[in-house]
């Protein structure tokens, strides 16, 4: 009987036993039916936030503060923690890192100029002046060069480098490889949520990862484009990382359901957690 009840109530228990899980349920109740792509002011935990799209923000909160996708440990004092946040969006990842490591130094990249304004505002409003000064914000796309890229904004968290000339605008870019090579100390976390640019950027950075201890990669496989997961895993393996892969776009009966009903662009999306193998 206990085993049966455990199966039935497992997910509910998982949410309710965790303070941030309960908060996510509260937020989902109050904001889940709010119209998309309209600015919302939100109070949650100890934060006062302003977001441009509440639905995409809710899933960010769930992944970052409840599931804690970016949680890592360090034996160093937090003043020595270095984090590079590629795809910082409205600032939830930076706020999470600062909650865990209040004096960490963060380099944050957000290519969408409009979204970057929310990032800057949310960090200023929720961090002390000294903590805010420890975050270096770049309104640029991480890429393989500094020559600029064509960027397509979706007004939320799905903006991407694109070749759809009729819906894009030229924005500044920065070579992530050069950023990595310029760091004089160990990089404790490299977070990459860059909407499909991850494979090309990692290929360019394959010889610049020696100083990186942990990497989070959101991998995107777009329909009618080659899948490149093997290339990413090969780069991680050659750089002495072990990895754990978690599916974030599930498909029941994938031999039959080859195109997800709830996503017209991708047939696979994965979260890759890679950590340096020191053994």
C-alpha atoms as a PDB file:
ATOM      1  CA  UNK A   1       0.000   0.000   0.000  1.00  0.00           C
ATOM      2  CA  UNK A   2       2.799   2.409   0.921  1.00  0.00           C
ATOM      3  CA  UNK A   3       4.575   1.688  -2.357  1.00  0.00           C
ATOM      4  CA  UNK A   4       1.351   2.334  -4.306  1.00  0.00           C
ATOM      5  CA  UNK A   5       0.762   5.656  -2.549  1.00  0.00           C
ATOM      6  CA  UNK A   6       4.385   6.613  -3.095  1.00  0.00           C
ATOM      7  CA  UNK A   7       3.981   6.097  -6.829  1.00  0.00           C
ATOM      8  CA  UNK A   8       0.767   8.104  -6.900  1.00  0.00           C
ATOM      9  CA  UNK A   9       1.946  11.050  -4.832  1.00  0.00           C
ATOM     10  CA  UNK A  10       5.650  11.075  -5.706  1.00  0.00           C
ATOM     11  CA  UNK A  11       5.579  14.214  -7.843  1.00  0.00           C
ATOM     12  CA  UNK A  12       3.267  16.066  -5.460  1.00  0.00           C
ATOM     13  CA  UNK A  13       5.483  15.168  -2.503  1.00  0.00           C
ATOM     14  CA  UNK A  14       8.565  16.242  -4.425  1.00  0.00           C
ATOM     15  CA  UNK A  15       7.101  19.727  -4.897  1.00  0.00           C
ATOM     16  CA  UNK A  16       5.611  20.214  -1.454  1.00  0.00           C
ATOM     17  CA  UNK A  17       8.610  19.051   0.588  1.00  0.00           C
ATOM     18  CA  UNK A  18      10.746  21.802  -0.993  1.00  0.00           C
ATOM     19  CA  UNK A  19      10.186  25.462  -0.110  1.00  0.00           C
ATOM     20  CA  UNK A  20      11.002  26.643  -3.621  1.00  0.00           C
ATOM     21  CA  UNK A  21       8.809  23.888  -5.062  1.00  0.00           C
ATOM     22  CA  UNK A  22       5.879  25.232  -3.057  1.00  0.00           C
ATOM     23  CA  UNK A  23       6.755  28.729  -4.241  1.00  0.00           C
ATOM     24  CA  UNK A  24       6.779  27.568  -7.861  1.00  0.00           C
ATOM     25  CA  UNK A  25       3.284  26.129  -7.420  1.00  0.00           C
ATOM     26  CA  UNK A  26       2.115  29.428  -5.923  1.00  0.00           C
ATOM     27  CA  UNK A  27       3.628  31.397  -8.781  1.00  0.00           C
ATOM     28  CA  UNK A  28       2.136  29.040 -11.345  1.00  0.00           C
ATOM     29  CA  UNK A  29      -1.290  29.487  -9.758  1.00  0.00           C
ATOM     30  CA  UNK A  30      -1.122  33.298  -9.736  1.00  0.00           C
ATOM     31  CA  UNK A  31       0.742  33.937 -12.973  1.00  0.00           C
ATOM     32  CA  UNK A  32       0.206  30.842 -15.127  1.00  0.00           C
ATOM     33  CA  UNK A  33      -2.761  32.351 -16.970  1.00  0.00           C
ATOM     34  CA  UNK A  34      -1.319  35.837 -17.370  1.00  0.00           C
ATOM     35  CA  UNK A  35      -1.005  36.976 -21.003  1.00  0.00           C
ATOM     36  CA  UNK A  36       2.336  36.331 -22.627  1.00  0.00           C
ATOM     37  CA  UNK A  37       4.814  39.010 -23.721  1.00  0.00           C
ATOM     38  CA  UNK A  38       3.441  41.627 -21.340  1.00  0.00           C
ATOM     39  CA  UNK A  39       5.609  43.092 -18.600  1.00  0.00           C
ATOM     40  CA  UNK A  40       4.804  41.703 -15.170  1.00  0.00           C
ATOM     41  CA  UNK A  41       6.092  42.798 -11.776  1.00  0.00           C
ATOM     42  CA  UNK A  42       6.645  39.801  -9.520  1.00  0.00           C
ATOM     43  CA  UNK A  43       7.565  39.396  -5.871  1.00  0.00           C
ATOM     44  CA  UNK A  44       9.002  36.019  -4.980  1.00  0.00           C
ATOM     45  CA  UNK A  45      11.353  34.770  -2.278  1.00  0.00           C
ATOM     46  CA  UNK A  46      13.353  37.908  -1.403  1.00  0.00           C
ATOM     47  CA  UNK A  47      13.213  39.359  -4.909  1.00  0.00           C
ATOM     48  CA  UNK A  48      11.314  42.153  -6.624  1.00  0.00           C
ATOM     49  CA  UNK A  49      11.406  41.379 -10.322  1.00  0.00           C
ATOM     50  CA  UNK A  50      10.191  42.701 -13.632  1.00  0.00           C
ATOM     51  CA  UNK A  51       9.881  40.245 -16.503  1.00  0.00           C
ATOM     52  CA  UNK A  52       8.797  40.627 -20.159  1.00  0.00           C
ATOM     53  CA  UNK A  53       7.149  37.193 -20.467  1.00  0.00           C
ATOM     54  CA  UNK A  54       5.824  35.490 -17.363  1.00  0.00           C
ATOM     55  CA  UNK A  55       5.404  31.974 -18.799  1.00  0.00           C
ATOM     56  CA  UNK A  56       9.021  31.566 -19.901  1.00  0.00           C
ATOM     57  CA  UNK A  57      10.103  33.144 -16.601  1.00  0.00           C
ATOM     58  CA  UNK A  58       8.066  30.580 -14.607  1.00  0.00           C
ATOM     59  CA  UNK A  59       9.969  27.718 -16.194  1.00  0.00           C
ATOM     60  CA  UNK A  60      13.236  29.513 -15.505  1.00  0.00           C
ATOM     61  CA  UNK A  61      12.275  29.789 -11.832  1.00  0.00           C
ATOM     62  CA  UNK A  62      11.376  26.100 -11.750  1.00  0.00           C
ATOM     63  CA  UNK A  63      14.678  24.991 -13.288  1.00  0.00           C
ATOM     64  CA  UNK A  64      16.973  27.431 -11.497  1.00  0.00           C
ATOM     65  CA  UNK A  65      15.525  27.849  -8.000  1.00  0.00           C
ATOM     66  CA  UNK A  66      13.518  24.647  -7.527  1.00  0.00           C
ATOM     67  CA  UNK A  67      15.380  22.018  -9.572  1.00  0.00           C
ATOM     68  CA  UNK A  68      18.667  23.922  -9.045  1.00  0.00           C
ATOM     69  CA  UNK A  69      20.181  22.983 -12.375  1.00  0.00           C
ATOM     70  CA  UNK A  70      23.177  25.252 -11.769  1.00  0.00           C
ATOM     71  CA  UNK A  71      24.068  24.030  -8.295  1.00  0.00           C
ATOM     72  CA  UNK A  72      27.758  23.250  -7.878  1.00  0.00           C
ATOM     73  CA  UNK A  73      30.138  23.085  -4.946  1.00  0.00           C
ATOM     74  CA  UNK A  74      33.509  24.647  -4.338  1.00  0.00           C
ATOM     75  CA  UNK A  75      36.118  24.443  -1.618  1.00  0.00           C
ATOM     76  CA  UNK A  76      37.269  27.971  -2.378  1.00  0.00           C
ATOM     77  CA  UNK A  77      36.031  31.078  -0.621  1.00  0.00           C
ATOM     78  CA  UNK A  78      33.267  32.704  -2.639  1.00  0.00           C
ATOM     79  CA  UNK A  79      35.416  35.764  -3.404  1.00  0.00           C
ATOM     80  CA  UNK A  80      37.468  33.475  -5.619  1.00  0.00           C
ATOM     81  CA  UNK A  81      34.525  31.997  -7.533  1.00  0.00           C
ATOM     82  CA  UNK A  82      34.448  32.847 -11.253  1.00  0.00           C
ATOM     83  CA  UNK A  83      31.300  32.207 -13.328  1.00  0.00           C
ATOM     84  CA  UNK A  84      30.648  32.872 -17.012  1.00  0.00           C
ATOM     85  CA  UNK A  85      26.921  33.065 -17.780  1.00  0.00           C
ATOM     86  CA  UNK A  86      26.136  32.828 -21.494  1.00  0.00           C
ATOM     87  CA  UNK A  87      22.477  33.627 -22.016  1.00  0.00           C
ATOM     88  CA  UNK A  88      21.755  35.429 -18.755  1.00  0.00           C
ATOM     89  CA  UNK A  89      18.248  36.496 -19.881  1.00  0.00           C
ATOM     90  CA  UNK A  90      16.410  38.507 -17.174  1.00  0.00           C
ATOM     91  CA  UNK A  91      18.896  37.651 -14.427  1.00  0.00           C
ATOM     92  CA  UNK A  92      17.536  34.600 -12.598  1.00  0.00           C
ATOM     93  CA  UNK A  93      20.733  32.607 -13.083  1.00  0.00           C
ATOM     94  CA  UNK A  94      22.910  35.486 -11.850  1.00  0.00           C
ATOM     95  CA  UNK A  95      20.651  35.961  -8.810  1.00  0.00           C
ATOM     96  CA  UNK A  96      20.875  32.239  -8.078  1.00  0.00           C
ATOM     97  CA  UNK A  97      24.662  32.241  -8.338  1.00  0.00           C
ATOM     98  CA  UNK A  98      24.827  35.276  -6.057  1.00  0.00           C
ATOM     99  CA  UNK A  99      22.557  33.561  -3.542  1.00  0.00           C
ATOM    100  CA  UNK A 100      24.922  30.597  -3.398  1.00  0.00           C
ATOM    101  CA  UNK A 101      28.157  32.605  -3.677  1.00  0.00           C
ATOM    102  CA  UNK A 102      27.465  36.226  -2.595  1.00  0.00           C
ATOM    103  CA  UNK A 103      30.894  37.509  -3.601  1.00  0.00           C
ATOM    104  CA  UNK A 104      31.341  35.543  -6.812  1.00  0.00           C
ATOM    105  CA  UNK A 105      32.639  37.311  -9.905  1.00  0.00           C
ATOM    106  CA  UNK A 106      30.306  36.802 -12.869  1.00  0.00           C
ATOM    107  CA  UNK A 107      30.672  37.646 -16.543  1.00  0.00           C
ATOM    108  CA  UNK A 108      27.151  37.705 -17.995  1.00  0.00           C
ATOM    109  CA  UNK A 109      26.221  37.783 -21.688  1.00  0.00           C
ATOM    110  CA  UNK A 110      22.740  38.614 -22.978  1.00  0.00           C
ATOM    111  CA  UNK A 111      22.421  39.384 -26.708  1.00  0.00           C
ATOM    112  CA  UNK A 112      18.854  40.703 -26.763  1.00  0.00           C
ATOM    113  CA  UNK A 113      19.091  44.420 -25.954  1.00  0.00           C
ATOM    114  CA  UNK A 114      15.537  44.575 -24.606  1.00  0.00           C
ATOM    115  CA  UNK A 115      15.974  41.497 -22.412  1.00  0.00           C
ATOM    116  CA  UNK A 116      19.350  42.811 -21.220  1.00  0.00           C
ATOM    117  CA  UNK A 117      17.602  45.899 -19.841  1.00  0.00           C
ATOM    118  CA  UNK A 118      15.508  43.602 -17.590  1.00  0.00           C
ATOM    119  CA  UNK A 119      18.673  41.724 -16.614  1.00  0.00           C
ATOM    120  CA  UNK A 120      20.388  44.921 -15.507  1.00  0.00           C
ATOM    121  CA  UNK A 121      17.314  46.250 -13.693  1.00  0.00           C
ATOM    122  CA  UNK A 122      16.646  43.009 -11.809  1.00  0.00           C
ATOM    123  CA  UNK A 123      20.252  42.708 -10.683  1.00  0.00           C
ATOM    124  CA  UNK A 124      20.429  46.345  -9.548  1.00  0.00           C
ATOM    125  CA  UNK A 125      17.146  46.058  -7.642  1.00  0.00           C
ATOM    126  CA  UNK A 126      17.998  42.831  -5.836  1.00  0.00           C
ATOM    127  CA  UNK A 127      21.715  42.960  -5.116  1.00  0.00           C
ATOM    128  CA  UNK A 128      23.839  45.238  -3.009  1.00  0.00           C
ATOM    129  CA  UNK A 129      25.916  47.779  -4.890  1.00  0.00           C
ATOM    130  CA  UNK A 130      29.102  45.822  -4.227  1.00  0.00           C
ATOM    131  CA  UNK A 131      27.510  42.576  -5.461  1.00  0.00           C
ATOM    132  CA  UNK A 132      26.216  44.277  -8.587  1.00  0.00           C
ATOM    133  CA  UNK A 133      29.689  45.631  -9.292  1.00  0.00           C
ATOM    134  CA  UNK A 134      31.002  42.059  -9.263  1.00  0.00           C
ATOM    135  CA  UNK A 135      28.868  41.255 -12.334  1.00  0.00           C
ATOM    136  CA  UNK A 136      30.227  42.279 -15.716  1.00  0.00           C
ATOM    137  CA  UNK A 137      27.308  42.568 -18.151  1.00  0.00           C
ATOM    138  CA  UNK A 138      27.855  42.347 -21.907  1.00  0.00           C
ATOM    139  CA  UNK A 139      24.987  43.009 -24.315  1.00  0.00           C
ATOM    140  CA  UNK A 140      26.490  40.722 -26.925  1.00  0.00           C
ATOM    141  CA  UNK A 141      25.984  37.253 -28.401  1.00  0.00           C
ATOM    142  CA  UNK A 142      28.704  34.740 -27.572  1.00  0.00           C
ATOM    143  CA  UNK A 143      29.952  33.401 -30.882  1.00  0.00           C
ATOM    144  CA  UNK A 144      33.103  32.439 -32.756  1.00  0.00           C
ATOM    145  CA  UNK A 145      34.153  35.993 -33.657  1.00  0.00           C
ATOM    146  CA  UNK A 146      33.656  39.658 -32.739  1.00  0.00           C
ATOM    147  CA  UNK A 147      32.197  40.754 -36.069  1.00  0.00           C
ATOM    148  CA  UNK A 148      28.518  40.782 -35.158  1.00  0.00           C
ATOM    149  CA  UNK A 149      25.702  38.341 -35.958  1.00  0.00           C
ATOM    150  CA  UNK A 150      22.143  38.372 -37.283  1.00  0.00           C
ATOM    151  CA  UNK A 151      19.855  37.902 -34.271  1.00  0.00           C
ATOM    152  CA  UNK A 152      16.164  37.026 -34.081  1.00  0.00           C
ATOM    153  CA  UNK A 153      14.368  38.064 -30.888  1.00  0.00           C
ATOM    154  CA  UNK A 154      11.249  36.344 -29.570  1.00  0.00           C
ATOM    155  CA  UNK A 155      10.644  38.805 -26.727  1.00  0.00           C
ATOM    156  CA  UNK A 156      11.325  36.172 -24.076  1.00  0.00           C
ATOM    157  CA  UNK A 157      14.057  33.555 -23.640  1.00  0.00           C
ATOM    158  CA  UNK A 158      14.208  32.084 -27.157  1.00  0.00           C
ATOM    159  CA  UNK A 159      16.140  34.732 -29.071  1.00  0.00           C
ATOM    160  CA  UNK A 160      18.790  33.223 -31.321  1.00  0.00           C
ATOM    161  CA  UNK A 161      21.393  33.738 -33.974  1.00  0.00           C
ATOM    162  CA  UNK A 162      19.515  33.244 -37.229  1.00  0.00           C
ATOM    163  CA  UNK A 163      19.841  33.457 -41.009  1.00  0.00           C
ATOM    164  CA  UNK A 164      16.221  34.567 -41.496  1.00  0.00           C
ATOM    165  CA  UNK A 165      17.189  37.957 -42.870  1.00  0.00           C
ATOM    166  CA  UNK A 166      13.651  39.340 -42.908  1.00  0.00           C
ATOM    167  CA  UNK A 167      13.201  38.890 -39.121  1.00  0.00           C
ATOM    168  CA  UNK A 168      16.688  39.556 -37.785  1.00  0.00           C
ATOM    169  CA  UNK A 169      18.828  42.530 -36.847  1.00  0.00           C
ATOM    170  CA  UNK A 170      22.578  42.840 -36.633  1.00  0.00           C
ATOM    171  CA  UNK A 171      23.905  42.831 -33.067  1.00  0.00           C
ATOM    172  CA  UNK A 172      27.393  42.750 -31.521  1.00  0.00           C
ATOM    173  CA  UNK A 173      29.065  39.400 -30.915  1.00  0.00           C
ATOM    174  CA  UNK A 174      32.056  38.271 -28.887  1.00  0.00           C
ATOM    175  CA  UNK A 175      34.368  35.294 -29.219  1.00  0.00           C
ATOM    176  CA  UNK A 176      33.798  33.068 -26.188  1.00  0.00           C
ATOM    177  CA  UNK A 177      37.102  31.373 -26.907  1.00  0.00           C
ATOM    178  CA  UNK A 178      38.920  34.689 -26.411  1.00  0.00           C
ATOM    179  CA  UNK A 179      36.963  35.336 -23.199  1.00  0.00           C
ATOM    180  CA  UNK A 180      37.984  31.942 -21.814  1.00  0.00           C
ATOM    181  CA  UNK A 181      41.626  32.351 -22.769  1.00  0.00           C
ATOM    182  CA  UNK A 182      41.725  35.805 -21.156  1.00  0.00           C
ATOM    183  CA  UNK A 183      40.795  34.464 -17.704  1.00  0.00           C
ATOM    184  CA  UNK A 184      43.789  34.216 -15.383  1.00  0.00           C
ATOM    185  CA  UNK A 185      42.050  32.072 -12.765  1.00  0.00           C
ATOM    186  CA  UNK A 186      39.967  28.900 -12.789  1.00  0.00           C
ATOM    187  CA  UNK A 187      36.436  29.198 -14.179  1.00  0.00           C
ATOM    188  CA  UNK A 188      34.195  27.427 -11.690  1.00  0.00           C
ATOM    189  CA  UNK A 189      31.093  27.407 -13.904  1.00  0.00           C
ATOM    190  CA  UNK A 190      30.529  27.995 -17.601  1.00  0.00           C
ATOM    191  CA  UNK A 191      26.786  28.127 -18.262  1.00  0.00           C
ATOM    192  CA  UNK A 192      25.647  27.993 -21.885  1.00  0.00           C
ATOM    193  CA  UNK A 193      22.007  28.539 -22.807  1.00  0.00           C
ATOM    194  CA  UNK A 194      22.440  30.089 -26.238  1.00  0.00           C
ATOM    195  CA  UNK A 195      19.555  28.641 -28.258  1.00  0.00           C
ATOM    196  CA  UNK A 196      21.244  26.468 -30.843  1.00  0.00           C
ATOM    197  CA  UNK A 197      24.626  28.198 -31.091  1.00  0.00           C
ATOM    198  CA  UNK A 198      26.198  25.870 -28.513  1.00  0.00           C
ATOM    199  CA  UNK A 199      27.788  23.367 -30.895  1.00  0.00           C
ATOM    200  CA  UNK A 200      29.595  25.886 -33.083  1.00  0.00           C
ATOM    201  CA  UNK A 201      30.751  27.895 -30.063  1.00  0.00           C
ATOM    202  CA  UNK A 202      32.031  24.797 -28.242  1.00  0.00           C
ATOM    203  CA  UNK A 203      33.827  23.590 -31.354  1.00  0.00           C
ATOM    204  CA  UNK A 204      35.605  26.939 -31.482  1.00  0.00           C
ATOM    205  CA  UNK A 205      36.398  26.669 -27.740  1.00  0.00           C
ATOM    206  CA  UNK A 206      37.544  23.039 -27.755  1.00  0.00           C
ATOM    207  CA  UNK A 207      41.154  24.015 -26.970  1.00  0.00           C
ATOM    208  CA  UNK A 208      40.214  26.703 -24.430  1.00  0.00           C
ATOM    209  CA  UNK A 209      38.460  24.604 -21.784  1.00  0.00           C
ATOM    210  CA  UNK A 210      41.475  23.591 -19.706  1.00  0.00           C
ATOM    211  CA  UNK A 211      40.662  26.122 -17.011  1.00  0.00           C
ATOM    212  CA  UNK A 212      36.936  25.302 -16.795  1.00  0.00           C
ATOM    213  CA  UNK A 213      35.765  23.113 -13.929  1.00  0.00           C
ATOM    214  CA  UNK A 214      32.006  22.767 -14.577  1.00  0.00           C
ATOM    215  CA  UNK A 215      29.885  23.326 -17.694  1.00  0.00           C
ATOM    216  CA  UNK A 216      26.133  23.449 -18.120  1.00  0.00           C
ATOM    217  CA  UNK A 217      24.975  23.212 -21.744  1.00  0.00           C
ATOM    218  CA  UNK A 218      21.414  23.402 -23.011  1.00  0.00           C
ATOM    219  CA  UNK A 219      21.544  21.440 -26.252  1.00  0.00           C
ATOM    220  CA  UNK A 220      18.986  22.065 -29.005  1.00  0.00           C
ATOM    221  CA  UNK A 221      18.273  19.759 -31.963  1.00  0.00           C
ATOM    222  CA  UNK A 222      16.217  21.624 -34.542  1.00  0.00           C
ATOM    223  CA  UNK A 223      13.994  19.716 -36.925  1.00  0.00           C
ATOM    224  CA  UNK A 224      15.431  19.436 -40.468  1.00  0.00           C
ATOM    225  CA  UNK A 225      18.924  20.303 -39.209  1.00  0.00           C
ATOM    226  CA  UNK A 226      21.714  17.804 -38.429  1.00  0.00           C
ATOM    227  CA  UNK A 227      21.914  16.617 -34.822  1.00  0.00           C
ATOM    228  CA  UNK A 228      25.282  17.492 -33.307  1.00  0.00           C
ATOM    229  CA  UNK A 229      25.122  16.002 -29.809  1.00  0.00           C
ATOM    230  CA  UNK A 230      27.974  13.638 -30.674  1.00  0.00           C
ATOM    231  CA  UNK A 231      30.260  16.590 -31.418  1.00  0.00           C
ATOM    232  CA  UNK A 232      29.562  18.208 -28.043  1.00  0.00           C
ATOM    233  CA  UNK A 233      30.110  14.978 -26.114  1.00  0.00           C
ATOM    234  CA  UNK A 234      33.356  14.337 -28.006  1.00  0.00           C
ATOM    235  CA  UNK A 235      34.657  17.794 -27.042  1.00  0.00           C
ATOM    236  CA  UNK A 236      33.747  17.207 -23.389  1.00  0.00           C
ATOM    237  CA  UNK A 237      35.402  13.782 -23.365  1.00  0.00           C
ATOM    238  CA  UNK A 238      38.624  15.062 -24.940  1.00  0.00           C
ATOM    239  CA  UNK A 239      38.768  17.793 -22.293  1.00  0.00           C
ATOM    240  CA  UNK A 240      38.511  15.257 -19.444  1.00  0.00           C
ATOM    241  CA  UNK A 241      34.901  16.030 -18.465  1.00  0.00           C
ATOM    242  CA  UNK A 242      32.409  13.484 -17.278  1.00  0.00           C
ATOM    243  CA  UNK A 243      28.834  14.309 -18.141  1.00  0.00           C
ATOM    244  CA  UNK A 244      25.241  13.632 -17.192  1.00  0.00           C
ATOM    245  CA  UNK A 245      22.459  14.185 -19.725  1.00  0.00           C
ATOM    246  CA  UNK A 246      18.873  15.027 -18.775  1.00  0.00           C
ATOM    247  CA  UNK A 247      16.004  15.221 -21.240  1.00  0.00           C
ATOM    248  CA  UNK A 248      13.912  18.393 -21.161  1.00  0.00           C
ATOM    249  CA  UNK A 249      11.729  17.718 -24.225  1.00  0.00           C
ATOM    250  CA  UNK A 250      10.136  14.354 -23.661  1.00  0.00           C
ATOM    251  CA  UNK A 251       8.374  12.312 -26.347  1.00  0.00           C
ATOM    252  CA  UNK A 252       6.269   9.265 -25.648  1.00  0.00           C
ATOM    253  CA  UNK A 253       6.913   6.555 -28.273  1.00  0.00           C
ATOM    254  CA  UNK A 254       9.649   8.487 -30.126  1.00  0.00           C
ATOM    255  CA  UNK A 255       9.688   5.972 -33.008  1.00  0.00           C
ATOM    256  CA  UNK A 256       6.128   7.100 -33.710  1.00  0.00           C
ATOM    257  CA  UNK A 257       6.109  10.659 -32.373  1.00  0.00           C
ATOM    258  CA  UNK A 258       9.081  11.898 -34.347  1.00  0.00           C
ATOM    259  CA  UNK A 259       7.921  15.510 -34.077  1.00  0.00           C
ATOM    260  CA  UNK A 260       6.755  16.722 -30.652  1.00  0.00           C
ATOM    261  CA  UNK A 261       3.240  18.127 -30.549  1.00  0.00           C
ATOM    262  CA  UNK A 262       4.244  20.928 -28.171  1.00  0.00           C
ATOM    263  CA  UNK A 263       7.337  22.073 -30.064  1.00  0.00           C
ATOM    264  CA  UNK A 264       7.298  22.772 -33.796  1.00  0.00           C
ATOM    265  CA  UNK A 265      10.994  23.654 -33.988  1.00  0.00           C
ATOM    266  CA  UNK A 266      12.907  20.988 -32.049  1.00  0.00           C
ATOM    267  CA  UNK A 267      12.773  17.212 -31.803  1.00  0.00           C
ATOM    268  CA  UNK A 268      15.224  17.056 -28.902  1.00  0.00           C
ATOM    269  CA  UNK A 269      16.351  19.368 -26.118  1.00  0.00           C
ATOM    270  CA  UNK A 270      18.795  18.230 -23.468  1.00  0.00           C
ATOM    271  CA  UNK A 271      20.472  19.614 -20.388  1.00  0.00           C
ATOM    272  CA  UNK A 272      24.109  18.522 -20.206  1.00  0.00           C
ATOM    273  CA  UNK A 273      25.923  18.724 -16.867  1.00  0.00           C
ATOM    274  CA  UNK A 274      29.684  18.305 -17.332  1.00  0.00           C
ATOM    275  CA  UNK A 275      32.284  18.301 -14.603  1.00  0.00           C
ATOM    276  CA  UNK A 276      36.018  17.903 -14.743  1.00  0.00           C
ATOM    277  CA  UNK A 277      37.236  14.370 -14.139  1.00  0.00           C
ATOM    278  CA  UNK A 278      40.135  14.857 -11.718  1.00  0.00           C
ATOM    279  CA  UNK A 279      40.819  11.175 -11.156  1.00  0.00           C
END
